[in-house]
Amino acid sequence: FMGLLRARGLNVNDWEKFWVDCTQSYCTIKSLFNNKY
């Protein structure tokens, strides 16, 4: 369950920050805290 995504944050802190990027065929989501997709 390490890095599990849950909708539970009341505030935006480090664990709630992501980077979203897309190509013409798909998007990726990366956690900025551990730099993992």
All heavy atoms as atom14 arrays in JSON, in Angstrom:
{
  "sequence": "FMGLLRARGLNVNDWEKFWVDCTQSYCTIKSLFNNKY",
  "atom14_mask": [
    [1, 1, 1, 1, 1, 1, 1, 1, 1, 1, 1, 0, 0, 0],
    [1, 1, 1, 1, 1, 1, 1, 1, 0, 0, 0, 0, 0, 0],
    [1, 1, 1, 1, 0, 0, 0, 0, 0, 0, 0, 0, 0, 0],
    [1, 1, 1, 1, 1, 1, 1, 1, 0, 0, 0, 0, 0, 0],
    [1, 1, 1, 1, 1, 1, 1, 1, 0, 0, 0, 0, 0, 0],
    [1, 1, 1, 1, 1, 1, 1, 1, 1, 1, 1, 0, 0, 0],
    [1, 1, 1, 1, 1, 0, 0, 0, 0, 0, 0, 0, 0, 0],
    [1, 1, 1, 1, 1, 1, 1, 1, 1, 1, 1, 0, 0, 0],
    [1, 1, 1, 1, 0, 0, 0, 0, 0, 0, 0, 0, 0, 0],
    [1, 1, 1, 1, 1, 1, 1, 1, 0, 0, 0, 0, 0, 0],
    [1, 1, 1, 1, 1, 1, 1, 1, 0, 0, 0, 0, 0, 0],
    [1, 1, 1, 1, 1, 1, 1, 0, 0, 0, 0, 0, 0, 0],
    [1, 1, 1, 1, 1, 1, 1, 1, 0, 0, 0, 0, 0, 0],
    [1, 1, 1, 1, 1, 1, 1, 1, 0, 0, 0, 0, 0, 0],
    [1, 1, 1, 1, 1, 1, 1, 1, 1, 1, 1, 1, 1, 1],
    [1, 1, 1, 1, 1, 1, 1, 1, 1, 0, 0, 0, 0, 0],
    [1, 1, 1, 1, 1, 1, 1, 1, 1, 0, 0, 0, 0, 0],
    [1, 1, 1, 1, 1, 1, 1, 1, 1, 1, 1, 0, 0, 0],
    [1, 1, 1, 1, 1, 1, 1, 1, 1, 1, 1, 1, 1, 1],
    [1, 1, 1, 1, 1, 1, 1, 0, 0, 0, 0, 0, 0, 0],
    [1, 1, 1, 1, 1, 1, 1, 1, 0, 0, 0, 0, 0, 0],
    [1, 1, 1, 1, 1, 1, 0, 0, 0, 0, 0, 0, 0, 0],
    [1, 1, 1, 1, 1, 1, 1, 0, 0, 0, 0, 0, 0, 0],
    [1, 1, 1, 1, 1, 1, 1, 1, 1, 0, 0, 0, 0, 0],
    [1, 1, 1, 1, 1, 1, 0, 0, 0, 0, 0, 0, 0, 0],
    [1, 1, 1, 1, 1, 1, 1, 1, 1, 1, 1, 1, 0, 0],
    [1, 1, 1, 1, 1, 1, 0, 0, 0, 0, 0, 0, 0, 0],
    [1, 1, 1, 1, 1, 1, 1, 0, 0, 0, 0, 0, 0, 0],
    [1, 1, 1, 1, 1, 1, 1, 1, 0, 0, 0, 0, 0, 0],
    [1, 1, 1, 1, 1, 1, 1, 1, 1, 0, 0, 0, 0, 0],
    [1, 1, 1, 1, 1, 1, 0, 0, 0, 0, 0, 0, 0, 0],
    [1, 1, 1, 1, 1, 1, 1, 1, 0, 0, 0, 0, 0, 0],
    [1, 1, 1, 1, 1, 1, 1, 1, 1, 1, 1, 0, 0, 0],
    [1, 1, 1, 1, 1, 1, 1, 1, 0, 0, 0, 0, 0, 0],
    [1, 1, 1, 1, 1, 1, 1, 1, 0, 0, 0, 0, 0, 0],
    [1, 1, 1, 1, 1, 1, 1, 1, 1, 0, 0, 0, 0, 0],
    [1, 1, 1, 1, 1, 1, 1, 1, 1, 1, 1, 1, 0, 0]
  ],
  "atom14_positions": [
    [[0.81, -1.22, 0.0], [0.0, 0.0, 0.0], [0.85, 1.27, 0.0], [0.3, 2.38, 0.07], [-0.94, 0.02, 1.2], [-2.1, -0.95, 1.08], [-2.82, -1.3, 2.2], [-2.45, -1.5, -0.14], [-3.9, -2.18, 2.11], [-3.51, -2.39, -0.25], [-4.25, -2.73, 0.88], [0.0, 0.0, 0.0], [0.0, 0.0, 0.0], [0.0, 0.0, 0.0]],
    [[2.17, 1.14, -0.07], [3.04, 2.32, -0.1], [2.68, 3.2, -1.29], [2.55, 2.73, -2.42], [4.5, 1.88, -0.22], [5.47, 3.03, -0.41], [5.57, 4.09, 1.04], [6.74, 5.31, 0.48], [0.0, 0.0, 0.0], [0.0, 0.0, 0.0], [0.0, 0.0, 0.0], [0.0, 0.0, 0.0], [0.0, 0.0, 0.0], [0.0, 0.0, 0.0]],
    [[2.45, 4.49, -1.05], [2.13, 5.42, -2.12], [0.7, 5.35, -2.6], [0.36, 5.91, -3.64], [0.0, 0.0, 0.0], [0.0, 0.0, 0.0], [0.0, 0.0, 0.0], [0.0, 0.0, 0.0], [0.0, 0.0, 0.0], [0.0, 0.0, 0.0], [0.0, 0.0, 0.0], [0.0, 0.0, 0.0], [0.0, 0.0, 0.0], [0.0, 0.0, 0.0]],
    [[-0.17, 4.68, -1.84], [-1.58, 4.54, -2.21], [-2.24, 5.91, -2.37], [-2.03, 6.81, -1.56], [-2.31, 3.75, -1.13], [-3.72, 3.25, -1.44], [-3.7, 2.19, -2.51], [-4.37, 2.71, -0.16], [0.0, 0.0, 0.0], [0.0, 0.0, 0.0], [0.0, 0.0, 0.0], [0.0, 0.0, 0.0], [0.0, 0.0, 0.0], [0.0, 0.0, 0.0]],
    [[-3.04, 6.07, -3.42], [-3.76, 7.34, -3.64], [-5.14, 7.27, -2.99], [-5.93, 6.36, -3.28], [-3.9, 7.63, -5.14], [-2.82, 8.56, -5.73], [-1.43, 7.98, -5.54], [-3.1, 8.84, -7.19], [0.0, 0.0, 0.0], [0.0, 0.0, 0.0], [0.0, 0.0, 0.0], [0.0, 0.0, 0.0], [0.0, 0.0, 0.0], [0.0, 0.0, 0.0]],
    [[-5.41, 8.25, -2.12], [-6.7, 8.35, -1.43], [-7.17, 9.79, -1.48], [-6.38, 10.72, -1.32], [-6.59, 7.92, 0.04], [-6.24, 6.48, 0.27], [-6.01, 6.22, 1.75], [-7.17, 6.61, 2.54], [-7.11, 7.07, 3.8], [-5.94, 7.22, 4.4], [-8.21, 7.38, 4.45], [0.0, 0.0, 0.0], [0.0, 0.0, 0.0], [0.0, 0.0, 0.0]],
    [[-8.46, 9.98, -1.65], [-9.06, 11.32, -1.61], [-9.4, 11.63, -0.17], [-10.52, 11.4, 0.28], [-10.3, 11.37, -2.49], [0.0, 0.0, 0.0], [0.0, 0.0, 0.0], [0.0, 0.0, 0.0], [0.0, 0.0, 0.0], [0.0, 0.0, 0.0], [0.0, 0.0, 0.0], [0.0, 0.0, 0.0], [0.0, 0.0, 0.0], [0.0, 0.0, 0.0]],
    [[-8.42, 12.16, 0.56], [-8.64, 12.4, 1.99], [-8.0, 13.69, 2.5], [-8.13, 14.04, 3.66], [-8.17, 11.2, 2.8], [-6.67, 10.86, 2.7], [-5.9, 11.52, 3.79], [-4.51, 11.1, 3.88], [-3.6, 11.8, 4.57], [-3.92, 12.91, 5.19], [-2.34, 11.37, 4.61], [0.0, 0.0, 0.0], [0.0, 0.0, 0.0], [0.0, 0.0, 0.0]],
    [[-7.31, 14.46, 1.66], [-6.6, 15.65, 2.11], [-7.52, 16.86, 2.24], [-8.28, 17.18, 1.33], [0.0, 0.0, 0.0], [0.0, 0.0, 0.0], [0.0, 0.0, 0.0], [0.0, 0.0, 0.0], [0.0, 0.0, 0.0], [0.0, 0.0, 0.0], [0.0, 0.0, 0.0], [0.0, 0.0, 0.0], [0.0, 0.0, 0.0], [0.0, 0.0, 0.0]],
    [[-7.45, 17.52, 3.39], [-8.2, 18.76, 3.61], [-7.41, 19.97, 3.17], [-7.97, 21.04, 2.93], [-8.59, 18.89, 5.08], [-9.6, 17.87, 5.6], [-9.76, 18.0, 7.1], [-10.94, 18.06, 4.92], [0.0, 0.0, 0.0], [0.0, 0.0, 0.0], [0.0, 0.0, 0.0], [0.0, 0.0, 0.0], [0.0, 0.0, 0.0], [0.0, 0.0, 0.0]],
    [[-6.1, 19.82, 3.11], [-5.21, 20.91, 2.7], [-4.24, 20.38, 1.65], [-4.07, 19.17, 1.49], [-4.41, 21.45, 3.89], [-5.31, 21.95, 4.99], [-5.86, 23.03, 4.9], [-5.47, 21.15, 6.04], [0.0, 0.0, 0.0], [0.0, 0.0, 0.0], [0.0, 0.0, 0.0], [0.0, 0.0, 0.0], [0.0, 0.0, 0.0], [0.0, 0.0, 0.0]],
    [[-3.57, 21.28, 0.96], [-2.56, 20.88, -0.02], [-1.19, 20.99, 0.62], [-0.68, 22.08, 0.87], [-2.64, 21.76, -1.28], [-1.54, 21.38, -2.26], [-4.01, 21.63, -1.94], [0.0, 0.0, 0.0], [0.0, 0.0, 0.0], [0.0, 0.0, 0.0], [0.0, 0.0, 0.0], [0.0, 0.0, 0.0], [0.0, 0.0, 0.0], [0.0, 0.0, 0.0]],
    [[-0.63, 19.84, 0.93], [0.74, 19.75, 1.44], [1.56, 18.91, 0.46], [1.12, 18.65, -0.66], [0.72, 19.14, 2.84], [0.01, 20.04, 3.84], [0.39, 21.2, 4.02], [-1.02, 19.52, 4.49], [0.0, 0.0, 0.0], [0.0, 0.0, 0.0], [0.0, 0.0, 0.0], [0.0, 0.0, 0.0], [0.0, 0.0, 0.0], [0.0, 0.0, 0.0]],
    [[2.73, 18.47, 0.85], [3.62, 17.78, -0.09], [3.01, 16.51, -0.67], [3.24, 16.19, -1.83], [4.95, 17.46, 0.59], [5.8, 18.71, 0.82], [5.5, 19.75, 0.2], [6.76, 18.64, 1.61], [0.0, 0.0, 0.0], [0.0, 0.0, 0.0], [0.0, 0.0, 0.0], [0.0, 0.0, 0.0], [0.0, 0.0, 0.0], [0.0, 0.0, 0.0]],
    [[2.26, 15.77, 0.14], [1.7, 14.51, -0.34], [0.55, 14.73, -1.33], [0.12, 13.78, -2.0], [1.22, 13.65, 0.82], [2.32, 13.11, 1.69], [3.66, 13.35, 1.57], [2.17, 12.24, 2.81], [4.36, 12.69, 2.55], [3.47, 12.01, 3.33], [1.07, 11.66, 3.44], [3.68, 11.18, 4.44], [1.29, 10.84, 4.55], [2.57, 10.6, 5.04]],
    [[0.02, 15.94, -1.4], [-1.07, 16.26, -2.32], [-0.6, 16.93, -3.61], [-1.42, 17.41, -4.39], [-2.1, 17.16, -1.63], [-2.94, 16.47, -0.57], [-2.18, 16.25, 0.72], [-1.37, 17.12, 1.11], [-2.39, 15.18, 1.35], [0.0, 0.0, 0.0], [0.0, 0.0, 0.0], [0.0, 0.0, 0.0], [0.0, 0.0, 0.0], [0.0, 0.0, 0.0]],
    [[0.69, 16.98, -3.84], [1.23, 17.66, -5.02], [1.7, 16.64, -6.06], [2.47, 15.72, -5.74], [2.39, 18.57, -4.62], [1.94, 19.73, -3.73], [3.11, 20.61, -3.32], [2.64, 21.76, -2.44], [3.77, 22.62, -1.99], [0.0, 0.0, 0.0], [0.0, 0.0, 0.0], [0.0, 0.0, 0.0], [0.0, 0.0, 0.0], [0.0, 0.0, 0.0]],
    [[1.23, 16.83, -7.28], [1.53, 15.9, -8.38], [2.01, 16.69, -9.6], [1.91, 17.91, -9.64], [0.28, 15.09, -8.76], [-0.25, 14.24, -7.64], [-1.19, 14.75, -6.74], [0.18, 12.93, -7.48], [-1.67, 13.98, -5.7], [-0.3, 12.15, -6.45], [-1.23, 12.67, -5.56], [0.0, 0.0, 0.0], [0.0, 0.0, 0.0], [0.0, 0.0, 0.0]],
    [[2.52, 15.94, -10.57], [2.78, 16.51, -11.88], [2.04, 15.68, -12.91], [2.17, 14.46, -12.94], [4.27, 16.56, -12.2], [4.52, 17.39, -13.43], [4.81, 16.95, -14.69], [4.43, 18.81, -13.52], [4.92, 18.01, -15.56], [4.69, 19.17, -14.86], [4.15, 19.82, -12.59], [4.67, 20.49, -15.3], [4.14, 21.13, -13.03], [4.4, 21.45, -14.36]],
    [[1.25, 16.35, -13.76], [0.47, 15.69, -14.81], [1.05, 16.09, -16.15], [1.3, 17.26, -16.41], [-1.02, 16.1, -14.72], [-1.82, 15.41, -15.81], [-1.58, 15.76, -13.34], [0.0, 0.0, 0.0], [0.0, 0.0, 0.0], [0.0, 0.0, 0.0], [0.0, 0.0, 0.0], [0.0, 0.0, 0.0], [0.0, 0.0, 0.0], [0.0, 0.0, 0.0]],
    [[1.29, 15.11, -17.01], [1.83, 15.38, -18.33], [1.15, 14.45, -19.33], [0.73, 13.36, -18.98], [3.34, 15.19, -18.35], [4.0, 15.93, -19.5], [3.29, 16.66, -20.22], [5.22, 15.8, -19.66], [0.0, 0.0, 0.0], [0.0, 0.0, 0.0], [0.0, 0.0, 0.0], [0.0, 0.0, 0.0], [0.0, 0.0, 0.0], [0.0, 0.0, 0.0]],
    [[1.05, 14.9, -20.58], [0.37, 14.12, -21.61], [1.14, 14.14, -22.92], [1.79, 15.12, -23.27], [-1.03, 14.68, -21.87], [-2.2, 14.37, -20.55], [0.0, 0.0, 0.0], [0.0, 0.0, 0.0], [0.0, 0.0, 0.0], [0.0, 0.0, 0.0], [0.0, 0.0, 0.0], [0.0, 0.0, 0.0], [0.0, 0.0, 0.0], [0.0, 0.0, 0.0]],
    [[1.03, 13.02, -23.64], [1.42, 12.96, -25.03], [0.13, 13.01, -25.85], [-0.94, 13.26, -25.31], [2.19, 11.66, -25.33], [1.28, 10.55, -25.23], [3.33, 11.45, -24.34], [0.0, 0.0, 0.0], [0.0, 0.0, 0.0], [0.0, 0.0, 0.0], [0.0, 0.0, 0.0], [0.0, 0.0, 0.0], [0.0, 0.0, 0.0], [0.0, 0.0, 0.0]],
    [[0.2, 12.71, -27.12], [-1.0, 12.7, -27.94], [-1.88, 11.49, -27.65], [-3.03, 11.46, -28.06], [-0.64, 12.74, -29.43], [-0.05, 14.07, -29.87], [0.11, 14.16, -31.38], [-0.15, 13.21, -32.09], [0.54, 15.31, -31.85], [0.0, 0.0, 0.0], [0.0, 0.0, 0.0], [0.0, 0.0, 0.0], [0.0, 0.0, 0.0], [0.0, 0.0, 0.0]],
    [[-1.36, 10.49, -26.95], [-2.13, 9.26, -26.75], [-2.39, 8.91, -25.29], [-3.25, 8.07, -25.01], [-1.44, 8.08, -27.43], [-0.12, 7.94, -26.95], [0.0, 0.0, 0.0], [0.0, 0.0, 0.0], [0.0, 0.0, 0.0], [0.0, 0.0, 0.0], [0.0, 0.0, 0.0], [0.0, 0.0, 0.0], [0.0, 0.0, 0.0], [0.0, 0.0, 0.0]],
    [[-1.67, 9.52, -24.35], [-1.92, 9.17, -22.95], [-1.36, 10.25, -22.03], [-0.58, 11.11, -22.44], [-1.29, 7.82, -22.59], [0.21, 7.78, -22.67], [1.01, 8.18, -21.59], [0.85, 7.34, -23.82], [2.39, 8.16, -21.66], [2.23, 7.31, -23.9], [3.0, 7.71, -22.81], [4.37, 7.69, -22.88], [0.0, 0.0, 0.0], [0.0, 0.0, 0.0]],
    [[-1.79, 10.18, -20.76], [-1.31, 11.09, -19.72], [-0.65, 10.28, -18.61], [-1.0, 9.13, -18.37], [-2.47, 11.88, -19.11], [-3.39, 12.88, -20.29], [0.0, 0.0, 0.0], [0.0, 0.0, 0.0], [0.0, 0.0, 0.0], [0.0, 0.0, 0.0], [0.0, 0.0, 0.0], [0.0, 0.0, 0.0], [0.0, 0.0, 0.0], [0.0, 0.0, 0.0]],
    [[0.29, 10.9, -17.92], [0.9, 10.3, -16.73], [0.7, 11.23, -15.54], [0.54, 12.44, -15.7], [2.4, 10.05, -16.92], [3.06, 11.29, -17.22], [2.65, 9.05, -18.04], [0.0, 0.0, 0.0], [0.0, 0.0, 0.0], [0.0, 0.0, 0.0], [0.0, 0.0, 0.0], [0.0, 0.0, 0.0], [0.0, 0.0, 0.0], [0.0, 0.0, 0.0]],
    [[0.7, 10.64, -14.36], [0.58, 11.37, -13.11], [1.76, 10.95, -12.23], [2.0, 9.76, -12.04], [-0.74, 11.04, -12.39], [-1.95, 11.32, -13.3], [-0.86, 11.82, -11.08], [-3.25, 10.76, -12.77], [0.0, 0.0, 0.0], [0.0, 0.0, 0.0], [0.0, 0.0, 0.0], [0.0, 0.0, 0.0], [0.0, 0.0, 0.0], [0.0, 0.0, 0.0]],
    [[2.48, 11.92, -11.73], [3.65, 11.62, -10.9], [3.53, 12.34, -9.56], [3.19, 13.52, -9.51], [4.93, 12.05, -11.61], [6.21, 11.79, -10.83], [7.44, 12.33, -11.55], [7.84, 11.43, -12.7], [9.16, 11.85, -13.28], [0.0, 0.0, 0.0], [0.0, 0.0, 0.0], [0.0, 0.0, 0.0], [0.0, 0.0, 0.0], [0.0, 0.0, 0.0]],
    [[3.82, 11.63, -8.48], [3.9, 12.26, -7.17], [5.19, 13.07, -7.08], [6.27, 12.54, -7.36], [3.89, 11.2, -6.06], [4.3, 11.77, -4.82], [0.0, 0.0, 0.0], [0.0, 0.0, 0.0], [0.0, 0.0, 0.0], [0.0, 0.0, 0.0], [0.0, 0.0, 0.0], [0.0, 0.0, 0.0], [0.0, 0.0, 0.0], [0.0, 0.0, 0.0]],
    [[5.08, 14.33, -6.72], [6.28, 15.14, -6.57], [7.03, 14.83, -5.28], [8.2, 15.2, -5.15], [5.91, 16.63, -6.62], [5.43, 17.14, -7.98], [5.17, 18.63, -7.93], [6.44, 16.82, -9.08], [0.0, 0.0, 0.0], [0.0, 0.0, 0.0], [0.0, 0.0, 0.0], [0.0, 0.0, 0.0], [0.0, 0.0, 0.0], [0.0, 0.0, 0.0]],
    [[6.39, 14.14, -4.35], [7.07, 13.82, -3.09], [8.12, 12.72, -3.29], [9.25, 12.85, -2.82], [6.06, 13.39, -2.03], [6.67, 13.19, -0.67], [6.83, 14.27, 0.19], [7.11, 11.95, -0.25], [7.4, 14.11, 1.44], [7.68, 11.76, 0.99], [7.84, 12.85, 1.84], [0.0, 0.0, 0.0], [0.0, 0.0, 0.0], [0.0, 0.0, 0.0]],
    [[7.74, 11.65, -3.98], [8.71, 10.56, -4.18], [9.17, 10.42, -5.63], [9.93, 9.52, -5.96], [8.15, 9.23, -3.67], [7.0, 8.7, -4.51], [6.53, 9.36, -5.44], [6.53, 7.5, -4.17], [0.0, 0.0, 0.0], [0.0, 0.0, 0.0], [0.0, 0.0, 0.0], [0.0, 0.0, 0.0], [0.0, 0.0, 0.0], [0.0, 0.0, 0.0]],
    [[8.66, 11.32, -6.51], [9.06, 11.34, -7.92], [8.75, 10.02, -8.61], [9.48, 9.57, -9.49], [10.56, 11.65, -8.05], [10.9, 12.21, -9.43], [10.13, 12.97, -10.01], [12.06, 11.83, -9.94], [0.0, 0.0, 0.0], [0.0, 0.0, 0.0], [0.0, 0.0, 0.0], [0.0, 0.0, 0.0], [0.0, 0.0, 0.0], [0.0, 0.0, 0.0]],
    [[7.62, 9.39, -8.24], [7.21, 8.12, -8.83], [5.89, 8.3, -9.6], [5.02, 9.06, -9.19], [7.02, 7.06, -7.74], [8.26, 6.74, -6.92], [9.28, 5.98, -7.73], [10.53, 5.66, -6.91], [10.25, 4.74, -5.8], [0.0, 0.0, 0.0], [0.0, 0.0, 0.0], [0.0, 0.0, 0.0], [0.0, 0.0, 0.0], [0.0, 0.0, 0.0]],
    [[5.79, 7.56, -10.7], [4.57, 7.57, -11.49], [3.46, 6.78, -10.79], [3.73, 5.8, -10.1], [4.81, 6.96, -12.87], [5.68, 7.79, -13.77], [7.01, 7.44, -14.01], [5.17, 8.92, -14.4], [7.81, 8.2, -14.84], [5.98, 9.69, -15.23], [7.29, 9.33, -15.45], [8.08, 10.09, -16.26], [0.0, 0.0, 0.0], [0.0, 0.0, 0.0]]
  ]
}
